[in-house]
């Protein structure tokens, strides 16, 4: 619940900051993307850049989480194998040392 409230407050702050930025920077900028030149509003250029960075961050975090989940799966498999081996060793009859 608390996490949801923080998310909503953060989203409102970001929207308000974006609106203030757009209001203070009404001009256009030229973007040269090698194959074509574009003239866009400054706020739009920064918004698109922010979204692309956010998506790249999510992709990077997702790769890390997938790697961690794979490692967790392997470790669980190793634990099960060790438990089976331990159970088998415990069920073997004890031999006298003498």
N, C-alpha and C. Protein backbone atom coordinates (compact mmCIF):
# COMPACT_ATOMS: atom_id res chain seq x y z
N UNK A 1 0.83 -1.20 0.00
CA UNK A 1 0.00 0.00 0.00
C UNK A 1 0.87 1.25 0.00
N UNK A 2 1.85 1.28 0.90
CA UNK A 2 2.74 2.44 1.01
C UNK A 2 3.54 2.63 -0.27
N UNK A 3 3.93 1.51 -0.86
CA UNK A 3 4.70 1.55 -2.10
C UNK A 3 3.88 2.16 -3.24
N UNK A 4 2.60 1.83 -3.28
CA UNK A 4 1.71 2.38 -4.30
C UNK A 4 1.54 3.89 -4.15
N UNK A 5 1.44 4.34 -2.92
CA UNK A 5 1.31 5.78 -2.66
C UNK A 5 2.57 6.51 -3.12
N UNK A 6 3.73 5.94 -2.80
CA UNK A 6 5.00 6.55 -3.22
C UNK A 6 5.07 6.62 -4.74
N UNK A 7 4.64 5.55 -5.42
CA UNK A 7 4.65 5.53 -6.88
C UNK A 7 3.75 6.62 -7.46
N UNK A 8 2.56 6.79 -6.91
CA UNK A 8 1.63 7.81 -7.40
C UNK A 8 2.21 9.21 -7.17
N UNK A 9 2.76 9.45 -6.00
CA UNK A 9 3.35 10.76 -5.70
C UNK A 9 4.52 11.03 -6.63
N UNK A 10 5.36 10.04 -6.86
CA UNK A 10 6.49 10.20 -7.76
C UNK A 10 6.02 10.47 -9.19
N UNK A 11 4.98 9.78 -9.64
CA UNK A 11 4.44 10.02 -10.98
C UNK A 11 3.91 11.44 -11.11
N UNK A 12 3.22 11.94 -10.08
CA UNK A 12 2.69 13.30 -10.11
C UNK A 12 3.84 14.31 -10.17
N UNK A 13 4.89 14.08 -9.41
CA UNK A 13 6.05 14.98 -9.41
C UNK A 13 6.69 15.01 -10.79
N UNK A 14 6.84 13.84 -11.42
CA UNK A 14 7.46 13.77 -12.75
C UNK A 14 6.58 14.50 -13.77
N UNK A 15 5.27 14.31 -13.72
CA UNK A 15 4.37 15.00 -14.66
C UNK A 15 4.44 16.50 -14.45
N UNK A 16 4.43 16.95 -13.21
CA UNK A 16 4.52 18.39 -12.94
C UNK A 16 5.85 18.97 -13.40
N UNK A 17 6.94 18.26 -13.16
CA UNK A 17 8.25 18.73 -13.61
C UNK A 17 8.30 18.78 -15.13
N UNK A 18 7.71 17.81 -15.79
CA UNK A 18 7.68 17.80 -17.26
C UNK A 18 6.86 18.98 -17.79
N UNK A 19 5.73 19.24 -17.15
CA UNK A 19 4.89 20.36 -17.58
C UNK A 19 5.61 21.69 -17.39
N UNK A 20 6.32 21.83 -16.27
CA UNK A 20 7.07 23.07 -16.04
C UNK A 20 8.20 23.21 -17.06
N UNK A 21 8.87 22.11 -17.38
CA UNK A 21 9.95 22.13 -18.36
C UNK A 21 9.41 22.53 -19.73
N UNK A 22 8.28 21.95 -20.12
CA UNK A 22 7.68 22.27 -21.42
C UNK A 22 7.24 23.73 -21.47
N UNK A 23 6.76 24.23 -20.36
CA UNK A 23 6.30 25.62 -20.31
C UNK A 23 7.48 26.59 -20.43
N UNK A 24 8.59 26.27 -19.80
CA UNK A 24 9.75 27.16 -19.82
C UNK A 24 10.59 27.04 -21.09
N UNK A 25 10.41 25.95 -21.87
CA UNK A 25 11.19 25.72 -23.08
C UNK A 25 10.26 25.46 -24.28
N UNK A 26 9.59 26.50 -24.75
CA UNK A 26 8.64 26.29 -25.84
C UNK A 26 9.29 26.17 -27.22
N UNK A 27 10.58 26.40 -27.31
CA UNK A 27 11.26 26.41 -28.60
C UNK A 27 11.43 25.03 -29.21
N UNK A 28 11.95 25.04 -30.42
CA UNK A 28 12.22 23.80 -31.13
C UNK A 28 13.72 23.62 -31.26
N UNK A 29 14.12 22.36 -31.39
CA UNK A 29 15.53 22.04 -31.62
C UNK A 29 15.63 21.17 -32.86
N UNK A 30 16.80 21.20 -33.48
CA UNK A 30 17.03 20.37 -34.67
C UNK A 30 17.76 19.11 -34.25
N UNK A 31 17.21 17.96 -34.66
CA UNK A 31 17.84 16.67 -34.40
C UNK A 31 18.35 16.11 -35.72
N UNK A 32 19.64 15.81 -35.78
CA UNK A 32 20.23 15.21 -36.97
C UNK A 32 20.50 13.74 -36.67
N UNK A 33 19.70 12.85 -37.24
CA UNK A 33 19.83 11.42 -37.01
C UNK A 33 20.53 10.72 -38.17
N UNK A 34 21.48 11.38 -38.77
CA UNK A 34 22.32 10.92 -39.88
C UNK A 34 21.52 10.75 -41.17
N UNK A 35 20.44 9.98 -41.12
CA UNK A 35 19.66 9.74 -42.34
C UNK A 35 18.61 10.82 -42.58
N UNK A 36 18.24 11.54 -41.55
CA UNK A 36 17.21 12.56 -41.71
C UNK A 36 17.35 13.59 -40.60
N UNK A 37 16.99 14.82 -40.91
CA UNK A 37 16.98 15.88 -39.90
C UNK A 37 15.54 16.17 -39.50
N UNK A 38 15.34 16.35 -38.19
CA UNK A 38 14.02 16.65 -37.66
C UNK A 38 14.10 17.92 -36.85
N UNK A 39 13.00 18.64 -36.83
CA UNK A 39 12.86 19.79 -35.95
C UNK A 39 11.70 19.50 -35.02
N UNK A 40 12.01 19.35 -33.73
CA UNK A 40 10.99 18.96 -32.75
C UNK A 40 11.00 19.91 -31.57
N UNK A 41 9.91 19.89 -30.83
CA UNK A 41 9.79 20.68 -29.61
C UNK A 41 10.77 20.11 -28.58
N UNK A 42 11.42 20.99 -27.84
CA UNK A 42 12.43 20.60 -26.87
C UNK A 42 11.88 19.59 -25.86
N UNK A 43 10.70 19.84 -25.34
CA UNK A 43 10.12 18.94 -24.34
C UNK A 43 9.90 17.54 -24.91
N UNK A 44 9.47 17.46 -26.17
CA UNK A 44 9.25 16.16 -26.80
C UNK A 44 10.57 15.39 -26.95
N UNK A 45 11.62 16.10 -27.35
CA UNK A 45 12.93 15.46 -27.51
C UNK A 45 13.42 14.89 -26.18
N UNK A 46 13.27 15.66 -25.11
CA UNK A 46 13.71 15.17 -23.80
C UNK A 46 12.82 14.04 -23.30
N UNK A 47 11.52 14.11 -23.57
CA UNK A 47 10.61 13.05 -23.15
C UNK A 47 10.95 11.74 -23.85
N UNK A 48 11.19 11.80 -25.16
CA UNK A 48 11.54 10.59 -25.91
C UNK A 48 12.87 10.03 -25.41
N UNK A 49 13.82 10.90 -25.14
CA UNK A 49 15.11 10.45 -24.61
C UNK A 49 14.95 9.79 -23.25
N UNK A 50 14.11 10.36 -22.40
CA UNK A 50 13.84 9.78 -21.08
C UNK A 50 13.21 8.40 -21.22
N UNK A 51 12.23 8.27 -22.11
CA UNK A 51 11.55 6.99 -22.29
C UNK A 51 12.52 5.93 -22.82
N UNK A 52 13.36 6.30 -23.78
CA UNK A 52 14.33 5.34 -24.32
C UNK A 52 15.31 4.91 -23.22
N UNK A 53 15.78 5.84 -22.41
CA UNK A 53 16.67 5.49 -21.31
C UNK A 53 15.99 4.60 -20.29
N UNK A 54 14.73 4.87 -19.99
CA UNK A 54 13.96 4.06 -19.05
C UNK A 54 13.82 2.64 -19.58
N UNK A 55 13.49 2.50 -20.87
CA UNK A 55 13.34 1.17 -21.47
C UNK A 55 14.67 0.40 -21.47
N UNK A 56 15.76 1.09 -21.74
CA UNK A 56 17.07 0.43 -21.69
C UNK A 56 17.41 0.00 -20.26
N UNK A 57 17.04 0.80 -19.30
CA UNK A 57 17.26 0.43 -17.89
C UNK A 57 16.44 -0.80 -17.50
N UNK A 58 15.20 -0.85 -17.95
CA UNK A 58 14.35 -2.01 -17.67
C UNK A 58 14.94 -3.26 -18.34
N UNK A 59 15.41 -3.11 -19.58
CA UNK A 59 16.00 -4.26 -20.28
C UNK A 59 17.24 -4.76 -19.54
N UNK A 60 18.07 -3.85 -19.07
CA UNK A 60 19.27 -4.23 -18.34
C UNK A 60 18.90 -4.93 -17.03
N UNK A 61 17.95 -4.38 -16.31
CA UNK A 61 17.52 -4.99 -15.05
C UNK A 61 16.88 -6.36 -15.30
N UNK A 62 16.14 -6.49 -16.38
CA UNK A 62 15.51 -7.77 -16.71
C UNK A 62 16.55 -8.84 -16.99
N UNK A 63 17.60 -8.47 -17.70
CA UNK A 63 18.66 -9.44 -17.97
C UNK A 63 19.31 -9.91 -16.66
N UNK A 64 19.54 -8.98 -15.75
CA UNK A 64 20.13 -9.34 -14.46
C UNK A 64 19.18 -10.26 -13.68
N UNK A 65 17.88 -9.94 -13.68
CA UNK A 65 16.92 -10.76 -12.95
C UNK A 65 16.80 -12.15 -13.56
N UNK A 66 16.85 -12.26 -14.88
CA UNK A 66 16.80 -13.57 -15.53
C UNK A 66 18.03 -14.39 -15.17
N UNK A 67 19.19 -13.75 -15.13
CA UNK A 67 20.42 -14.44 -14.75
C UNK A 67 20.33 -14.93 -13.31
N UNK A 68 19.82 -14.10 -12.42
CA UNK A 68 19.68 -14.48 -11.02
C UNK A 68 18.68 -15.62 -10.86
N UNK A 69 17.57 -15.58 -11.60
CA UNK A 69 16.58 -16.64 -11.52
C UNK A 69 17.15 -17.96 -12.03
N UNK A 70 17.95 -17.91 -13.08
CA UNK A 70 18.58 -19.11 -13.61
C UNK A 70 19.55 -19.70 -12.58
N UNK A 71 20.33 -18.85 -11.94
CA UNK A 71 21.26 -19.32 -10.92
C UNK A 71 20.50 -19.93 -9.74
N UNK A 72 19.39 -19.31 -9.35
CA UNK A 72 18.57 -19.83 -8.25
C UNK A 72 18.04 -21.21 -8.60
N UNK A 73 17.59 -21.41 -9.84
CA UNK A 73 17.08 -22.70 -10.28
C UNK A 73 18.17 -23.76 -10.22
N UNK A 74 19.37 -23.42 -10.67
CA UNK A 74 20.48 -24.37 -10.62
C UNK A 74 20.84 -24.73 -9.18
N UNK A 75 20.85 -23.73 -8.30
CA UNK A 75 21.18 -24.00 -6.90
C UNK A 75 20.13 -24.89 -6.23
N UNK A 76 18.86 -24.66 -6.54
CA UNK A 76 17.81 -25.51 -5.99
C UNK A 76 17.97 -26.95 -6.47
N UNK A 77 18.33 -27.11 -7.73
CA UNK A 77 18.56 -28.45 -8.28
C UNK A 77 19.72 -29.13 -7.56
N UNK A 78 20.79 -28.39 -7.33
CA UNK A 78 21.94 -28.94 -6.60
C UNK A 78 21.58 -29.34 -5.17
N UNK A 79 20.75 -28.52 -4.52
CA UNK A 79 20.32 -28.83 -3.15
C UNK A 79 19.50 -30.12 -3.14
N UNK A 80 18.59 -30.27 -4.09
CA UNK A 80 17.77 -31.49 -4.14
C UNK A 80 18.64 -32.71 -4.37
N UNK A 81 19.63 -32.58 -5.26
CA UNK A 81 20.52 -33.71 -5.52
C UNK A 81 21.33 -34.06 -4.26
N UNK A 82 21.80 -33.06 -3.54
CA UNK A 82 22.56 -33.29 -2.31
C UNK A 82 21.68 -33.92 -1.24
N UNK A 83 20.41 -33.51 -1.15
CA UNK A 83 19.50 -34.09 -0.16
C UNK A 83 19.22 -35.55 -0.47
N UNK A 84 19.05 -35.88 -1.76
CA UNK A 84 18.83 -37.27 -2.15
C UNK A 84 20.06 -38.11 -1.82
N UNK A 85 21.25 -37.59 -2.11
CA UNK A 85 22.48 -38.31 -1.80
C UNK A 85 22.63 -38.52 -0.30
N UNK A 86 22.31 -37.48 0.48
CA UNK A 86 22.40 -37.60 1.94
C UNK A 86 21.41 -38.64 2.46
N UNK A 87 20.22 -38.65 1.92
CA UNK A 87 19.20 -39.63 2.33
C UNK A 87 19.68 -41.04 2.00
N UNK A 88 20.27 -41.22 0.82
CA UNK A 88 20.79 -42.53 0.44
C UNK A 88 21.93 -42.96 1.34
N UNK A 89 22.81 -42.05 1.69
CA UNK A 89 23.93 -42.38 2.59
C UNK A 89 23.44 -42.73 3.98
N UNK A 90 22.41 -42.07 4.45
CA UNK A 90 21.87 -42.36 5.79
C UNK A 90 21.18 -43.72 5.82
N UNK A 91 20.65 -44.14 4.68
CA UNK A 91 19.93 -45.41 4.67
C UNK A 91 20.86 -46.61 4.52
N UNK A 92 22.13 -46.39 4.21
CA UNK A 92 23.08 -47.49 4.09
C UNK A 92 23.38 -48.05 5.48
N UNK A 93 23.56 -49.36 5.57
CA UNK A 93 23.87 -49.93 6.88
C UNK A 93 25.29 -49.55 7.32
N UNK A 94 25.43 -49.33 8.61
CA UNK A 94 26.73 -48.97 9.18
C UNK A 94 27.62 -50.21 9.20
N UNK A 95 28.85 -50.08 8.78
CA UNK A 95 29.79 -51.20 8.82
C UNK A 95 30.72 -51.00 10.02
N UNK A 96 31.05 -52.07 10.63
CA UNK A 96 31.94 -52.00 11.79
C UNK A 96 33.33 -51.60 11.35
N UNK A 97 33.99 -50.81 12.11
CA UNK A 97 35.32 -50.35 11.79
C UNK A 97 36.38 -51.36 12.18
N UNK A 98 36.00 -52.40 12.84
CA UNK A 98 37.00 -53.30 13.36
C UNK A 98 36.97 -54.60 12.75
